[in-house]
């Protein structure tokens, strides 16, 4: 059960929110780059 305790301490520190925001921004950035390459750099 120490893993669960350590995870709770990690989540309470706010690092979990920072990580979630980073993942969301990373996903959005990936989509923007993919669209740019598909539509601007290599048009049909």
PDB file of N, CA and C in Angstrom:
ATOM      1  N   UNK A   1       0.824  -1.209   0.000  1.00  0.00           N
ATOM      2  CA  UNK A   1       0.000   0.000   0.000  1.00  0.00           C
ATOM      3  C   UNK A   1       0.860   1.262   0.000  1.00  0.00           C
ATOM      4  N   UNK A   2       2.154   1.121   0.096  1.00  0.00           N
ATOM      5  CA  UNK A   2       3.002   2.315   0.115  1.00  0.00           C
ATOM      6  C   UNK A   2       2.983   3.033  -1.235  1.00  0.00           C
ATOM      7  N   UNK A   3       2.763   2.283  -2.314  1.00  0.00           N
ATOM      8  CA  UNK A   3       2.693   2.920  -3.635  1.00  0.00           C
ATOM      9  C   UNK A   3       1.499   3.870  -3.693  1.00  0.00           C
ATOM     10  N   UNK A   4       0.371   3.429  -3.147  1.00  0.00           N
ATOM     11  CA  UNK A   4      -0.822   4.275  -3.123  1.00  0.00           C
ATOM     12  C   UNK A   4      -0.586   5.520  -2.276  1.00  0.00           C
ATOM     13  N   UNK A   5       0.092   5.346  -1.152  1.00  0.00           N
ATOM     14  CA  UNK A   5       0.392   6.487  -0.278  1.00  0.00           C
ATOM     15  C   UNK A   5       1.308   7.486  -0.994  1.00  0.00           C
ATOM     16  N   UNK A   6       2.320   6.981  -1.661  1.00  0.00           N
ATOM     17  CA  UNK A   6       3.230   7.862  -2.396  1.00  0.00           C
ATOM     18  C   UNK A   6       2.505   8.584  -3.534  1.00  0.00           C
ATOM     19  N   UNK A   7       1.597   7.887  -4.209  1.00  0.00           N
ATOM     20  CA  UNK A   7       0.841   8.516  -5.291  1.00  0.00           C
ATOM     21  C   UNK A   7      -0.039   9.637  -4.760  1.00  0.00           C
ATOM     22  N   UNK A   8      -0.670   9.414  -3.603  1.00  0.00           N
ATOM     23  CA  UNK A   8      -1.499  10.472  -3.012  1.00  0.00           C
ATOM     24  C   UNK A   8      -0.659  11.691  -2.668  1.00  0.00           C
ATOM     25  N   UNK A   9       0.524  11.474  -2.109  1.00  0.00           N
ATOM     26  CA  UNK A   9       1.400  12.604  -1.785  1.00  0.00           C
ATOM     27  C   UNK A   9       1.799  13.347  -3.058  1.00  0.00           C
ATOM     28  N   UNK A  10       2.065  12.613  -4.117  1.00  0.00           N
ATOM     29  CA  UNK A  10       2.434  13.221  -5.395  1.00  0.00           C
ATOM     30  C   UNK A  10       1.279  14.044  -5.969  1.00  0.00           C
ATOM     31  N   UNK A  11       0.066  13.484  -5.908  1.00  0.00           N
ATOM     32  CA  UNK A  11      -1.096  14.165  -6.469  1.00  0.00           C
ATOM     33  C   UNK A  11      -1.455  15.408  -5.668  1.00  0.00           C
ATOM     34  N   UNK A  12      -1.270  15.359  -4.360  1.00  0.00           N
ATOM     35  CA  UNK A  12      -1.648  16.492  -3.510  1.00  0.00           C
ATOM     36  C   UNK A  12      -0.713  17.679  -3.732  1.00  0.00           C
ATOM     37  N   UNK A  13       0.516  17.434  -4.093  1.00  0.00           N
ATOM     38  CA  UNK A  13       1.480  18.524  -4.273  1.00  0.00           C
ATOM     39  C   UNK A  13       1.141  19.419  -5.459  1.00  0.00           C
ATOM     40  N   UNK A  14       0.234  19.010  -6.310  1.00  0.00           N
ATOM     41  CA  UNK A  14      -0.121  19.820  -7.462  1.00  0.00           C
ATOM     42  C   UNK A  14       0.597  19.394  -8.718  1.00  0.00           C
ATOM     43  N   UNK A  15       1.529  18.474  -8.592  1.00  0.00           N
ATOM     44  CA  UNK A  15       2.257  18.007  -9.772  1.00  0.00           C
ATOM     45  C   UNK A  15       1.328  17.293 -10.743  1.00  0.00           C
ATOM     46  N   UNK A  16       0.281  16.681 -10.215  1.00  0.00           N
ATOM     47  CA  UNK A  16      -0.661  15.961 -11.070  1.00  0.00           C
ATOM     48  C   UNK A  16      -1.362  16.940 -12.011  1.00  0.00           C
ATOM     49  N   UNK A  17      -1.737  18.104 -11.494  1.00  0.00           N
ATOM     50  CA  UNK A  17      -2.405  19.111 -12.324  1.00  0.00           C
ATOM     51  C   UNK A  17      -1.441  19.629 -13.391  1.00  0.00           C
ATOM     52  N   UNK A  18      -0.205  19.885 -13.001  1.00  0.00           N
ATOM     53  CA  UNK A  18       0.795  20.356 -13.962  1.00  0.00           C
ATOM     54  C   UNK A  18       0.999  19.339 -15.078  1.00  0.00           C
ATOM     55  N   UNK A  19       1.062  18.065 -14.701  1.00  0.00           N
ATOM     56  CA  UNK A  19       1.259  17.015 -15.694  1.00  0.00           C
ATOM     57  C   UNK A  19       0.064  16.936 -16.643  1.00  0.00           C
ATOM     58  N   UNK A  20      -1.150  17.047 -16.101  1.00  0.00           N
ATOM     59  CA  UNK A  20      -2.353  16.978 -16.934  1.00  0.00           C
ATOM     60  C   UNK A  20      -2.392  18.145 -17.924  1.00  0.00           C
ATOM     61  N   UNK A  21      -2.059  19.335 -17.463  1.00  0.00           N
ATOM     62  CA  UNK A  21      -2.033  20.504 -18.351  1.00  0.00           C
ATOM     63  C   UNK A  21      -0.987  20.312 -19.447  1.00  0.00           C
ATOM     64  N   UNK A  22       0.163  19.777 -19.085  1.00  0.00           N
ATOM     65  CA  UNK A  22       1.212  19.519 -20.074  1.00  0.00           C
ATOM     66  C   UNK A  22       0.779  18.527 -21.135  1.00  0.00           C
ATOM     67  N   UNK A  23       0.078  17.479 -20.710  1.00  0.00           N
ATOM     68  CA  UNK A  23      -0.402  16.475 -21.665  1.00  0.00           C
ATOM     69  C   UNK A  23      -1.426  17.085 -22.613  1.00  0.00           C
ATOM     70  N   UNK A  24      -2.332  17.914 -22.071  1.00  0.00           N
ATOM     71  CA  UNK A  24      -3.358  18.545 -22.910  1.00  0.00           C
ATOM     72  C   UNK A  24      -2.719  19.487 -23.927  1.00  0.00           C
ATOM     73  N   UNK A  25      -1.778  20.304 -23.474  1.00  0.00           N
ATOM     74  CA  UNK A  25      -1.107  21.235 -24.385  1.00  0.00           C
ATOM     75  C   UNK A  25      -0.301  20.471 -25.430  1.00  0.00           C
ATOM     76  N   UNK A  26       0.368  19.405 -25.013  1.00  0.00           N
ATOM     77  CA  UNK A  26       1.137  18.590 -25.948  1.00  0.00           C
ATOM     78  C   UNK A  26       0.256  17.969 -27.020  1.00  0.00           C
ATOM     79  N   UNK A  27      -0.906  17.477 -26.616  1.00  0.00           N
ATOM     80  CA  UNK A  27      -1.833  16.889 -27.584  1.00  0.00           C
ATOM     81  C   UNK A  27      -2.348  17.911 -28.569  1.00  0.00           C
ATOM     82  N   UNK A  28      -2.678  19.097 -28.076  1.00  0.00           N
ATOM     83  CA  UNK A  28      -3.169  20.156 -28.956  1.00  0.00           C
ATOM     84  C   UNK A  28      -2.069  20.598 -29.922  1.00  0.00           C
ATOM     85  N   UNK A  29      -0.847  20.715 -29.426  1.00  0.00           N
ATOM     86  CA  UNK A  29       0.267  21.126 -30.275  1.00  0.00           C
ATOM     87  C   UNK A  29       0.523  20.091 -31.364  1.00  0.00           C
ATOM     88  N   UNK A  30       0.433  18.815 -31.005  1.00  0.00           N
ATOM     89  CA  UNK A  30       0.609  17.751 -31.989  1.00  0.00           C
ATOM     90  C   UNK A  30      -0.424  17.829 -33.093  1.00  0.00           C
ATOM     91  N   UNK A  31      -1.660  18.128 -32.729  1.00  0.00           N
ATOM     92  CA  UNK A  31      -2.733  18.252 -33.720  1.00  0.00           C
ATOM     93  C   UNK A  31      -2.490  19.447 -34.641  1.00  0.00           C
ATOM     94  N   UNK A  32      -2.037  20.545 -34.079  1.00  0.00           N
ATOM     95  CA  UNK A  32      -1.757  21.745 -34.883  1.00  0.00           C
ATOM     96  C   UNK A  32      -0.639  21.469 -35.886  1.00  0.00           C
ATOM     97  N   UNK A  33       0.425  20.827 -35.435  1.00  0.00           N
ATOM     98  CA  UNK A  33       1.544  20.522 -36.331  1.00  0.00           C
ATOM     99  C   UNK A  33       1.104  19.565 -37.430  1.00  0.00           C
ATOM    100  N   UNK A  34       0.325  18.560 -37.070  1.00  0.00           N
ATOM    101  CA  UNK A  34      -0.156  17.592 -38.061  1.00  0.00           C
ATOM    102  C   UNK A  34      -1.010  18.289 -39.125  1.00  0.00           C
ATOM    103  N   UNK A  35      -1.885  19.178 -38.699  1.00  0.00           N
ATOM    104  CA  UNK A  35      -2.734  19.901 -39.642  1.00  0.00           C
ATOM    105  C   UNK A  35      -1.898  20.813 -40.539  1.00  0.00           C
ATOM    106  N   UNK A  36      -0.914  21.475 -39.961  1.00  0.00           N
ATOM    107  CA  UNK A  36      -0.047  22.368 -40.732  1.00  0.00           C
ATOM    108  C   UNK A  36       0.691  21.595 -41.814  1.00  0.00           C
ATOM    109  N   UNK A  37       1.258  20.460 -41.454  1.00  0.00           N
ATOM    110  CA  UNK A  37       2.000  19.660 -42.428  1.00  0.00           C
ATOM    111  C   UNK A  37       1.068  19.138 -43.512  1.00  0.00           C
ATOM    112  N   UNK A  38      -0.103  18.670 -43.114  1.00  0.00           N
ATOM    113  CA  UNK A  38      -1.038  18.066 -44.066  1.00  0.00           C
ATOM    114  C   UNK A  38      -1.608  19.092 -45.046  1.00  0.00           C
ATOM    115  N   UNK A  39      -1.949  20.281 -44.564  1.00  0.00           N
ATOM    116  CA  UNK A  39      -2.658  21.256 -45.395  1.00  0.00           C
ATOM    117  C   UNK A  39      -1.761  22.314 -46.032  1.00  0.00           C
ATOM    118  N   UNK A  40      -0.669  22.675 -45.395  1.00  0.00           N
ATOM    119  CA  UNK A  40       0.154  23.775 -45.898  1.00  0.00           C
ATOM    120  C   UNK A  40       1.404  23.255 -46.602  1.00  0.00           C
ATOM    121  N   UNK A  41       2.136  22.381 -45.930  1.00  0.00           N
ATOM    122  CA  UNK A  41       3.410  21.931 -46.490  1.00  0.00           C
ATOM    123  C   UNK A  41       3.202  20.911 -47.603  1.00  0.00           C
ATOM    124  N   UNK A  42       2.231  19.999 -47.430  1.00  0.00           N
ATOM    125  CA  UNK A  42       1.975  18.961 -48.437  1.00  0.00           C
ATOM    126  C   UNK A  42       0.511  18.989 -48.858  1.00  0.00           C
ATOM    127  N   UNK A  43       0.086  20.020 -49.587  1.00  0.00           N
ATOM    128  CA  UNK A  43      -1.322  20.076 -50.011  1.00  0.00           C
ATOM    129  C   UNK A  43      -1.633  18.984 -51.035  1.00  0.00           C
ATOM    130  N   UNK A  44      -2.895  18.611 -51.158  1.00  0.00           N
ATOM    131  CA  UNK A  44      -3.269  17.540 -52.104  1.00  0.00           C
ATOM    132  C   UNK A  44      -3.135  17.949 -53.556  1.00  0.00           C
TER     133      UNK A  44
END
